[in-house]
Amino acid sequence: MDKPIIPSSKLWKKFGEYFPYAVVDVIIFNADGNFLLTKRSIIPYKNKWHLPGGMIQKGDRMKNTAIRIAKKEVNLKVQVDGFLGVYEVFTPHRHDISHAFITHVLSGKIKLDFQASDAKFFKNPPRNMIPIQRKMLLDAKSFLKKSRQ
């Protein structure tokens, strides 16, 4: 399939009443080894630091979803370095099955979409962030450390 199918928001909501969402979270490292977080401007997690991420659309491979999300949400062209793993996330609003990818910046200047009010590269996870994504970041740093040995 060449072009992902994007259902209406009403259909997404209805789907979520019965099934978990398949999503991708993108861990973007810069040349200094710091990772990018954005500050959410919308719910859920409004005003918390988080990883760029989004839904896997039908017809879109997970790796391509990671690349698409990085471009759409923060205007960065990234290279996927590896698949970190699957993380299950429960919130009062949703149930997500997240597929985390480790990437690095190839080019671009950060430009945010409507979902974020700020973006910053961090050396360590800040306190004001989503707990499961903190775990993803710590796992990613451990993964990268092991792969360099």
Protein backbone atom coordinates (compact mmCIF):
# COMPACT_ATOMS: atom_id res chain seq x y z
CA MET A 1 0.00 0.00 0.00
CA ASP A 2 1.50 3.34 -1.06
CA LYS A 3 -0.45 5.82 1.03
CA PRO A 4 -1.51 5.30 4.65
CA ILE A 5 -5.24 5.34 5.36
CA ILE A 6 -6.21 7.98 7.92
CA PRO A 7 -9.64 7.49 9.54
CA SER A 8 -11.68 10.29 11.06
CA SER A 9 -11.08 11.26 14.70
CA LYS A 10 -14.54 9.85 15.51
CA LEU A 11 -13.46 6.44 14.20
CA TRP A 12 -10.15 6.59 16.13
CA LYS A 13 -12.07 7.30 19.34
CA LYS A 14 -14.54 4.47 18.71
CA PHE A 15 -11.69 2.08 17.93
CA GLY A 16 -10.01 3.01 21.23
CA GLU A 17 -13.07 1.95 23.20
CA TYR A 18 -12.39 -1.65 22.20
CA PHE A 19 -8.75 -2.04 21.15
CA PRO A 20 -5.30 -0.73 22.06
CA TYR A 21 -3.60 1.68 19.70
CA ALA A 22 -0.41 0.68 17.86
CA VAL A 23 1.97 3.64 18.19
CA VAL A 24 5.61 4.55 17.66
CA ASP A 25 7.76 6.61 20.02
CA VAL A 26 10.88 8.16 18.50
CA ILE A 27 14.03 8.64 20.54
CA ILE A 28 16.07 11.22 18.63
CA PHE A 29 19.72 11.68 19.55
CA ASN A 30 21.90 14.57 18.38
CA ALA A 31 25.64 14.45 17.65
CA ASP A 32 26.43 15.16 21.33
CA GLY A 33 24.49 12.09 22.48
CA ASN A 34 21.62 14.10 23.95
CA PHE A 35 17.99 13.19 23.25
CA LEU A 36 15.13 15.39 22.13
CA LEU A 37 11.96 15.91 24.13
CA THR A 38 9.03 18.18 23.38
CA LYS A 39 6.71 19.80 25.90
CA ARG A 40 3.12 18.77 25.24
CA SER A 41 0.66 21.59 24.60
CA ILE A 42 -2.37 19.29 24.41
CA ILE A 43 -3.89 16.52 26.50
CA PRO A 44 -3.01 13.89 27.47
CA TYR A 45 0.16 14.87 29.33
CA LYS A 46 -0.23 18.60 28.74
CA ASN A 47 2.88 20.53 29.98
CA LYS A 48 4.96 17.35 30.38
CA TRP A 49 8.11 16.55 28.45
CA HIS A 50 7.65 13.66 26.07
CA LEU A 51 9.06 11.85 23.07
CA PRO A 52 7.74 12.56 19.61
CA GLY A 53 5.32 9.81 18.75
CA GLY A 54 2.14 8.85 17.02
CA MET A 55 -0.12 6.26 15.50
CA ILE A 56 1.00 3.62 13.06
CA GLN A 57 -1.28 4.04 10.09
CA LYS A 58 -2.45 1.14 7.99
CA GLY A 59 0.01 0.65 5.15
CA ASP A 60 2.86 2.46 6.93
CA ARG A 61 5.77 0.35 8.21
CA MET A 62 6.84 1.06 11.80
CA LYS A 63 10.30 2.26 10.76
CA ASN A 64 8.74 4.62 8.22
CA THR A 65 6.30 5.81 10.89
CA ALA A 66 9.27 6.83 13.08
CA ILE A 67 10.78 8.81 10.20
CA ARG A 68 7.39 10.40 9.34
CA ILE A 69 6.72 11.40 12.94
CA ALA A 70 10.15 13.02 13.40
CA LYS A 71 9.57 15.11 10.28
CA LYS A 72 5.95 15.98 11.10
CA GLU A 73 6.31 16.77 14.80
CA VAL A 74 9.77 18.38 15.00
CA ASN A 75 10.82 18.95 11.36
CA LEU A 76 13.91 16.74 11.61
CA LYS A 77 15.17 14.20 9.11
CA VAL A 78 16.34 11.19 11.10
CA GLN A 79 18.02 7.88 10.49
CA VAL A 80 16.65 4.88 12.35
CA ASP A 81 19.49 3.18 14.23
CA GLY A 82 17.52 0.42 15.86
CA PHE A 83 14.37 -0.93 17.38
CA LEU A 84 14.46 -0.60 21.17
CA GLY A 85 11.39 -2.63 22.06
CA VAL A 86 7.69 -2.71 22.83
CA TYR A 87 6.19 -0.85 25.78
CA GLU A 88 2.61 -1.13 26.97
CA VAL A 89 1.05 2.10 28.21
CA PHE A 90 -2.23 2.40 30.11
CA THR A 91 -3.87 5.76 30.77
CA PRO A 92 -7.42 6.61 31.80
CA HIS A 93 -8.04 7.62 28.18
CA ARG A 94 -6.13 5.01 26.18
CA HIS A 95 -4.24 1.78 25.97
CA ASP A 96 -1.16 2.05 23.72
CA ILE A 97 1.22 -0.59 22.47
CA SER A 98 4.29 1.53 21.79
CA HIS A 99 7.15 0.49 19.51
CA ALA A 100 10.22 2.52 20.45
CA PHE A 101 12.89 3.37 17.87
CA ILE A 102 16.33 4.87 18.42
CA THR A 103 17.26 7.45 15.79
CA HIS A 104 19.75 10.23 15.19
CA VAL A 105 19.42 13.59 13.46
CA LEU A 106 20.57 13.77 9.85
CA SER A 107 19.39 17.30 9.09
CA GLY A 108 16.80 19.95 9.74
CA LYS A 109 16.01 22.75 12.15
CA ILE A 110 13.49 22.07 14.90
CA LYS A 111 10.05 23.39 14.10
CA LEU A 112 7.14 22.25 16.27
CA ASP A 113 3.66 21.26 15.24
CA PHE A 114 0.49 22.03 17.25
CA GLN A 115 1.16 19.27 19.81
CA ALA A 116 4.15 20.93 21.49
CA SER A 117 5.06 24.32 22.97
CA ASP A 118 8.79 23.71 23.38
CA ALA A 119 11.60 21.33 22.42
CA LYS A 120 14.95 20.72 24.03
CA PHE A 121 17.82 18.24 23.92
CA PHE A 122 18.53 16.64 27.30
CA LYS A 123 21.44 14.68 28.71
CA ASN A 124 19.25 13.08 31.41
CA PRO A 125 15.47 12.65 31.66
CA PRO A 126 13.79 15.60 33.39
CA ARG A 127 11.44 15.05 36.33
CA ASN A 128 8.41 16.46 34.56
CA MET A 129 8.00 13.72 31.95
CA ILE A 130 5.88 10.69 31.22
CA PRO A 131 7.15 7.80 33.41
CA ILE A 132 7.07 5.06 30.74
CA GLN A 133 8.99 7.32 28.36
CA ARG A 134 11.58 7.93 31.09
CA LYS A 135 12.06 4.15 31.13
CA MET A 136 12.39 4.13 27.33
CA LEU A 137 15.13 6.77 27.51
CA LEU A 138 17.05 4.93 30.21
CA ASP A 139 16.73 1.70 28.20
CA ALA A 140 17.93 3.51 25.06
CA LYS A 141 21.00 4.92 26.84
CA SER A 142 21.81 1.44 28.17
CA PHE A 143 21.27 -0.09 24.71
CA LEU A 144 23.61 2.45 23.10
CA LYS A 145 26.24 1.99 25.79
CA LYS A 146 26.23 -1.80 25.25
CA SER A 147 26.34 -1.46 21.47
CA ARG A 148 29.48 0.72 21.70
CA GLN A 149 31.37 -1.84 23.80
